Structures are given as structure tokens and as C-alpha cells.
C-alpha atoms as a PDB file:
ATOM      1  CA  UNK A   1       0.000   0.000   0.000  1.00  0.00           C
ATOM      2  CA  UNK A   2       1.100   3.558  -0.577  1.00  0.00           C
ATOM      3  CA  UNK A   3       2.898   4.638   2.542  1.00  0.00           C
ATOM      4  CA  UNK A   4       1.127   6.735   5.122  1.00  0.00           C
ATOM      5  CA  UNK A   5       3.848   9.063   6.350  1.00  0.00           C
ATOM      6  CA  UNK A   6       2.143  10.536   9.388  1.00  0.00           C
ATOM      7  CA  UNK A   7      -0.925  12.071  10.891  1.00  0.00           C
ATOM      8  CA  UNK A   8      -0.661  15.473   9.240  1.00  0.00           C
ATOM      9  CA  UNK A   9      -3.246  17.176  11.404  1.00  0.00           C
ATOM     10  CA  UNK A  10      -6.373  16.737  13.471  1.00  0.00           C
ATOM     11  CA  UNK A  11      -9.296  19.016  12.619  1.00  0.00           C
ATOM     12  CA  UNK A  12     -11.805  20.261  15.180  1.00  0.00           C
ATOM     13  CA  UNK A  13     -15.196  21.624  14.069  1.00  0.00           C
ATOM     14  CA  UNK A  14     -15.935  24.877  15.914  1.00  0.00           C
ATOM     15  CA  UNK A  15     -18.654  27.516  15.822  1.00  0.00           C
ATOM     16  CA  UNK A  16     -16.228  30.410  16.390  1.00  0.00           C
ATOM     17  CA  UNK A  17     -12.578  30.124  15.332  1.00  0.00           C
ATOM     18  CA  UNK A  18     -11.430  33.212  17.248  1.00  0.00           C
ATOM     19  CA  UNK A  19     -12.908  31.938  20.506  1.00  0.00           C
ATOM     20  CA  UNK A  20     -11.477  28.454  19.886  1.00  0.00           C
ATOM     21  CA  UNK A  21      -7.992  29.884  19.276  1.00  0.00           C
ATOM     22  CA  UNK A  22      -8.067  31.563  22.684  1.00  0.00           C
ATOM     23  CA  UNK A  23      -9.411  28.394  24.279  1.00  0.00           C
ATOM     24  CA  UNK A  24      -6.602  26.177  22.922  1.00  0.00           C
ATOM     25  CA  UNK A  25      -3.926  28.784  23.713  1.00  0.00           C
ATOM     26  CA  UNK A  26      -5.197  29.014  27.286  1.00  0.00           C
ATOM     27  CA  UNK A  27      -5.844  25.312  27.785  1.00  0.00           C
ATOM     28  CA  UNK A  28      -2.845  23.733  26.054  1.00  0.00           C
ATOM     29  CA  UNK A  29      -0.468  26.641  25.473  1.00  0.00           C
ATOM     30  CA  UNK A  30      -0.954  26.015  21.747  1.00  0.00           C
ATOM     31  CA  UNK A  31       0.757  28.361  19.321  1.00  0.00           C
ATOM     32  CA  UNK A  32      -1.492  30.092  16.799  1.00  0.00           C
ATOM     33  CA  UNK A  33       0.322  29.837  13.459  1.00  0.00           C
ATOM     34  CA  UNK A  34      -2.113  31.278  10.942  1.00  0.00           C
ATOM     35  CA  UNK A  35      -5.789  31.754  10.136  1.00  0.00           C
ATOM     36  CA  UNK A  36      -7.100  31.670   6.590  1.00  0.00           C
ATOM     37  CA  UNK A  37     -10.314  31.415   4.605  1.00  0.00           C
ATOM     38  CA  UNK A  38     -10.591  28.497   2.186  1.00  0.00           C
ATOM     39  CA  UNK A  39     -13.009  27.763  -0.608  1.00  0.00           C
ATOM     40  CA  UNK A  40     -13.283  24.008  -0.801  1.00  0.00           C
ATOM     41  CA  UNK A  41     -15.637  21.834  -2.831  1.00  0.00           C
ATOM     42  CA  UNK A  42     -17.585  21.284   0.369  1.00  0.00           C
ATOM     43  CA  UNK A  43     -17.927  25.047   1.049  1.00  0.00           C
ATOM     44  CA  UNK A  44     -16.233  28.106   2.508  1.00  0.00           C
ATOM     45  CA  UNK A  45     -14.431  27.658   5.804  1.00  0.00           C
ATOM     46  CA  UNK A  46     -12.212  29.634   8.128  1.00  0.00           C
ATOM     47  CA  UNK A  47      -9.281  27.588   9.425  1.00  0.00           C
ATOM     48  CA  UNK A  48      -6.891  28.382  12.259  1.00  0.00           C
ATOM     49  CA  UNK A  49      -3.691  26.332  12.314  1.00  0.00           C
ATOM     50  CA  UNK A  50      -2.356  25.656  15.784  1.00  0.00           C
ATOM     51  CA  UNK A  51       0.902  24.027  16.851  1.00  0.00           C
ATOM     52  CA  UNK A  52       0.795  21.776  19.884  1.00  0.00           C
ATOM     53  CA  UNK A  53       4.237  20.294  20.449  1.00  0.00           C
ATOM     54  CA  UNK A  54       5.159  18.369  17.294  1.00  0.00           C
ATOM     55  CA  UNK A  55       1.541  18.360  16.093  1.00  0.00           C
ATOM     56  CA  UNK A  56      -0.767  20.521  14.011  1.00  0.00           C
ATOM     57  CA  UNK A  57      -4.358  21.139  15.028  1.00  0.00           C
ATOM     58  CA  UNK A  58      -6.809  22.777  12.624  1.00  0.00           C
ATOM     59  CA  UNK A  59      -9.786  24.637  14.052  1.00  0.00           C
ATOM     60  CA  UNK A  60     -12.430  24.786  11.318  1.00  0.00           C
ATOM     61  CA  UNK A  61     -15.453  27.109  11.207  1.00  0.00           C
ATOM     62  CA  UNK A  62     -18.052  27.040   8.441  1.00  0.00           C
ATOM     63  CA  UNK A  63     -18.691  30.363   6.712  1.00  0.00           C
ATOM     64  CA  UNK A  64     -21.942  29.123   5.185  1.00  0.00           C
ATOM     65  CA  UNK A  65     -25.109  28.470   7.221  1.00  0.00           C
ATOM     66  CA  UNK A  66     -25.587  25.060   5.581  1.00  0.00           C
ATOM     67  CA  UNK A  67     -21.860  24.340   5.204  1.00  0.00           C
ATOM     68  CA  UNK A  68     -20.434  20.901   5.934  1.00  0.00           C
ATOM     69  CA  UNK A  69     -18.913  21.995   9.258  1.00  0.00           C
ATOM     70  CA  UNK A  70     -22.205  23.455  10.465  1.00  0.00           C
ATOM     71  CA  UNK A  71     -23.987  20.274   9.384  1.00  0.00           C
ATOM     72  CA  UNK A  72     -21.471  18.278  11.394  1.00  0.00           C
ATOM     73  CA  UNK A  73     -21.922  20.508  14.453  1.00  0.00           C
ATOM     74  CA  UNK A  74     -25.716  20.256  14.225  1.00  0.00           C
ATOM     75  CA  UNK A  75     -25.497  16.469  14.180  1.00  0.00           C
ATOM     76  CA  UNK A  76     -22.567  15.841  16.555  1.00  0.00           C
ATOM     77  CA  UNK A  77     -21.747  19.127  18.302  1.00  0.00           C
ATOM     78  CA  UNK A  78     -18.362  20.814  18.246  1.00  0.00           C
ATOM     79  CA  UNK A  79     -15.400  18.458  18.321  1.00  0.00           C
ATOM     80  CA  UNK A  80     -13.348  16.106  16.200  1.00  0.00           C
ATOM     81  CA  UNK A  81     -14.224  16.555  12.532  1.00  0.00           C
ATOM     82  CA  UNK A  82     -11.489  14.686  10.681  1.00  0.00           C
ATOM     83  CA  UNK A  83      -7.973  13.372  10.790  1.00  0.00           C
ATOM     84  CA  UNK A  84      -5.594  14.320   7.999  1.00  0.00           C
ATOM     85  CA  UNK A  85      -3.179  11.603   6.896  1.00  0.00           C
ATOM     86  CA  UNK A  86      -0.228  12.402   4.665  1.00  0.00           C
ATOM     87  CA  UNK A  87       0.729   9.776   2.080  1.00  0.00           C
ATOM     88  CA  UNK A  88       3.777   9.510  -0.134  1.00  0.00           C
ATOM     89  CA  UNK A  89       1.724   8.745  -3.280  1.00  0.00           C
ATOM     90  CA  UNK A  90      -1.947   9.726  -3.342  1.00  0.00           C
ATOM     91  CA  UNK A  91      -2.692   8.192  -6.751  1.00  0.00           C
ATOM     92  CA  UNK A  92      -1.335   4.838  -5.635  1.00  0.00           C
ATOM     93  CA  UNK A  93      -3.279   5.076  -2.364  1.00  0.00           C
ATOM     94  CA  UNK A  94      -6.525   5.792  -4.252  1.00  0.00           C
ATOM     95  CA  UNK A  95      -5.962   2.876  -6.640  1.00  0.00           C
ATOM     96  CA  UNK A  96      -5.350   0.492  -3.770  1.00  0.00           C
ATOM     97  CA  UNK A  97      -8.351   1.650  -1.731  1.00  0.00           C
ATOM     98  CA  UNK A  98     -10.730   1.579  -4.686  1.00  0.00           C
ATOM     99  CA  UNK A  99      -9.321  -1.816  -5.695  1.00  0.00           C
ATOM    100  CA  UNK A 100     -10.521  -3.119  -2.334  1.00  0.00           C
ATOM    101  CA  UNK A 101     -14.041  -1.847  -3.037  1.00  0.00           C
ATOM    102  CA  UNK A 102     -14.041   1.322  -0.931  1.00  0.00           C
ATOM    103  CA  UNK A 103     -15.637   4.495  -2.240  1.00  0.00           C
ATOM    104  CA  UNK A 104     -14.016   7.920  -2.283  1.00  0.00           C
ATOM    105  CA  UNK A 105     -16.820  10.493  -2.089  1.00  0.00           C
ATOM    106  CA  UNK A 106     -14.663  13.615  -2.405  1.00  0.00           C
ATOM    107  CA  UNK A 107     -11.516  14.509  -4.309  1.00  0.00           C
ATOM    108  CA  UNK A 108     -10.056  17.980  -4.321  1.00  0.00           C
ATOM    109  CA  UNK A 109      -7.034  19.632  -5.871  1.00  0.00           C
ATOM    110  CA  UNK A 110      -5.328  22.735  -4.531  1.00  0.00           C
ATOM    111  CA  UNK A 111      -2.220  24.613  -5.581  1.00  0.00           C
ATOM    112  CA  UNK A 112      -0.333  23.111  -2.612  1.00  0.00           C
ATOM    113  CA  UNK A 113      -1.914  19.676  -2.157  1.00  0.00           C
ATOM    114  CA  UNK A 114      -4.091  16.928  -3.575  1.00  0.00           C
ATOM    115  CA  UNK A 115      -6.566  15.185  -1.300  1.00  0.00           C
ATOM    116  CA  UNK A 116      -9.334  12.650  -1.010  1.00  0.00           C
ATOM    117  CA  UNK A 117     -11.832  12.066   1.769  1.00  0.00           C
ATOM    118  CA  UNK A 118     -12.830   8.586   2.890  1.00  0.00           C
ATOM    119  CA  UNK A 119     -16.275   7.809   4.239  1.00  0.00           C
ATOM    120  CA  UNK A 120     -16.644   7.660   8.028  1.00  0.00           C
ATOM    121  CA  UNK A 121     -18.516   4.358   7.751  1.00  0.00           C
ATOM    122  CA  UNK A 122     -15.313   2.814   6.382  1.00  0.00           C
ATOM    123  CA  UNK A 123     -13.165   4.066   9.288  1.00  0.00           C
ATOM    124  CA  UNK A 124     -15.194   3.440  12.442  1.00  0.00           C
ATOM    125  CA  UNK A 125     -16.992   6.771  12.246  1.00  0.00           C
ATOM    126  CA  UNK A 126     -13.908   8.903  11.566  1.00  0.00           C
ATOM    127  CA  UNK A 127     -13.628  11.089   8.487  1.00  0.00           C
ATOM    128  CA  UNK A 128     -10.175  10.535   7.014  1.00  0.00           C
ATOM    129  CA  UNK A 129      -8.693  13.186   4.757  1.00  0.00           C
ATOM    130  CA  UNK A 130      -5.784  11.642   2.875  1.00  0.00           C
ATOM    131  CA  UNK A 131      -3.451  14.140   1.273  1.00  0.00           C
ATOM    132  CA  UNK A 132      -0.201  14.586  -0.556  1.00  0.00           C
ATOM    133  CA  UNK A 133       1.595  17.901  -0.276  1.00  0.00           C
ATOM    134  CA  UNK A 134       3.141  19.335  -3.412  1.00  0.00           C
ATOM    135  CA  UNK A 135       6.655  20.718  -3.393  1.00  0.00           C
ATOM    136  CA  UNK A 136       8.622  18.496  -1.096  1.00  0.00           C
ATOM    137  CA  UNK A 137       8.769  16.659   2.162  1.00  0.00           C
ATOM    138  CA  UNK A 138       8.332  18.513   5.436  1.00  0.00           C
ATOM    139  CA  UNK A 139      10.222  16.243   7.802  1.00  0.00           C
ATOM    140  CA  UNK A 140      10.136  18.482  10.890  1.00  0.00           C
ATOM    141  CA  UNK A 141       7.361  20.398  12.602  1.00  0.00           C
ATOM    142  CA  UNK A 142       9.309  23.583  11.858  1.00  0.00           C
ATOM    143  CA  UNK A 143       9.227  22.802   8.116  1.00  0.00           C
ATOM    144  CA  UNK A 144       5.504  22.061   8.352  1.00  0.00           C
ATOM    145  CA  UNK A 145       4.911  25.393  10.116  1.00  0.00           C
ATOM    146  CA  UNK A 146       6.929  27.162   7.406  1.00  0.00           C
ATOM    147  CA  UNK A 147       4.700  25.528   4.763  1.00  0.00           C
ATOM    148  CA  UNK A 148       1.572  26.679   6.599  1.00  0.00           C
ATOM    149  CA  UNK A 149       2.911  30.224   6.809  1.00  0.00           C
ATOM    150  CA  UNK A 150       3.500  30.252   3.040  1.00  0.00           C
ATOM    151  CA  UNK A 151       0.184  28.630   2.075  1.00  0.00           C
ATOM    152  CA  UNK A 152      -1.324  29.639  -1.197  1.00  0.00           C
ATOM    153  CA  UNK A 153      -4.226  27.322  -0.523  1.00  0.00           C
ATOM    154  CA  UNK A 154      -6.310  27.973  -3.611  1.00  0.00           C
ATOM    155  CA  UNK A 155      -8.439  25.485  -5.552  1.00  0.00           C
ATOM    156  CA  UNK A 156      -7.109  24.646  -8.995  1.00  0.00           C
END
């Protein structure tokens, strides 16, 4: 199977990104790295990237009343939304997963990454975002933070 390199990030669905930033800074001494607005196939979102030790946490707020994050919050409340997994070869990963009969309901392409989303029913209720970053390997958390700071996260 295409190699899963690491858990790239954990995403938390929140109603208010600014409030959540303060909460995670106060609770865990997290470092706020950057906040940006993204237009994804699933809708507009505001994302705050937080560093907690060697890990990245994404706080995600929907900017559309019926957006996918708000739908998630209505159904499950604020909390874990998805886990991002970085792979070394996304095309190979997709071929292998589909070859085993699993469905991939969402594919998206950005200037800095390619990604697919796997159904929660296939992963014990967890949404898995599987992605491959373009432009090199970020082996350290510092390199990952540098990538986040330079994001040009636009759909292609």
C-alpha cells in the first residue's frame, strides 16, 4: 500500500474560530500559526492552524449556514471533525483503496496539495482526509509550520 507518512493534522469543528484559538492557547499553550479562509468543494471555511508540540491542530469554522462543518456541528456538536493523513503517493493510495471496493466520495485539488476524503462508515466513524503535499517533504514540525505560513491554498 502507498505509505502513510504521518498524521498530518487533526481538525476540530468549531462555531467560532477566534474563541477556539483563545481556548486552545489558554488550555494547552498552543501556538497560533495562521488563520485563513478556504473555498473548498464542500464550502467556505475559516481555518486556524495551531501548533501543539510536534503536532498541528486545525480549528475549522463554516462560513456558510448550511456548510459541511455546520452540518457536522448540528449532528454531533463541536469536536473532532477529521484526521488528515499524509501519504507519499496519493494516486497509488486511491488505486489500492478503490481496488478493495471502498468508495471515495470527495476529491479535491489545490495549488499546494491533492486530497481525497474517505467515508466515516469505512473508518469506524472517523472522516479521514488523505493528502499529498506538493513541493517536497516537510520532515520536521518547523518545516511544516513554514509551509503553513507560506500557504497559497487555492483550488485549482
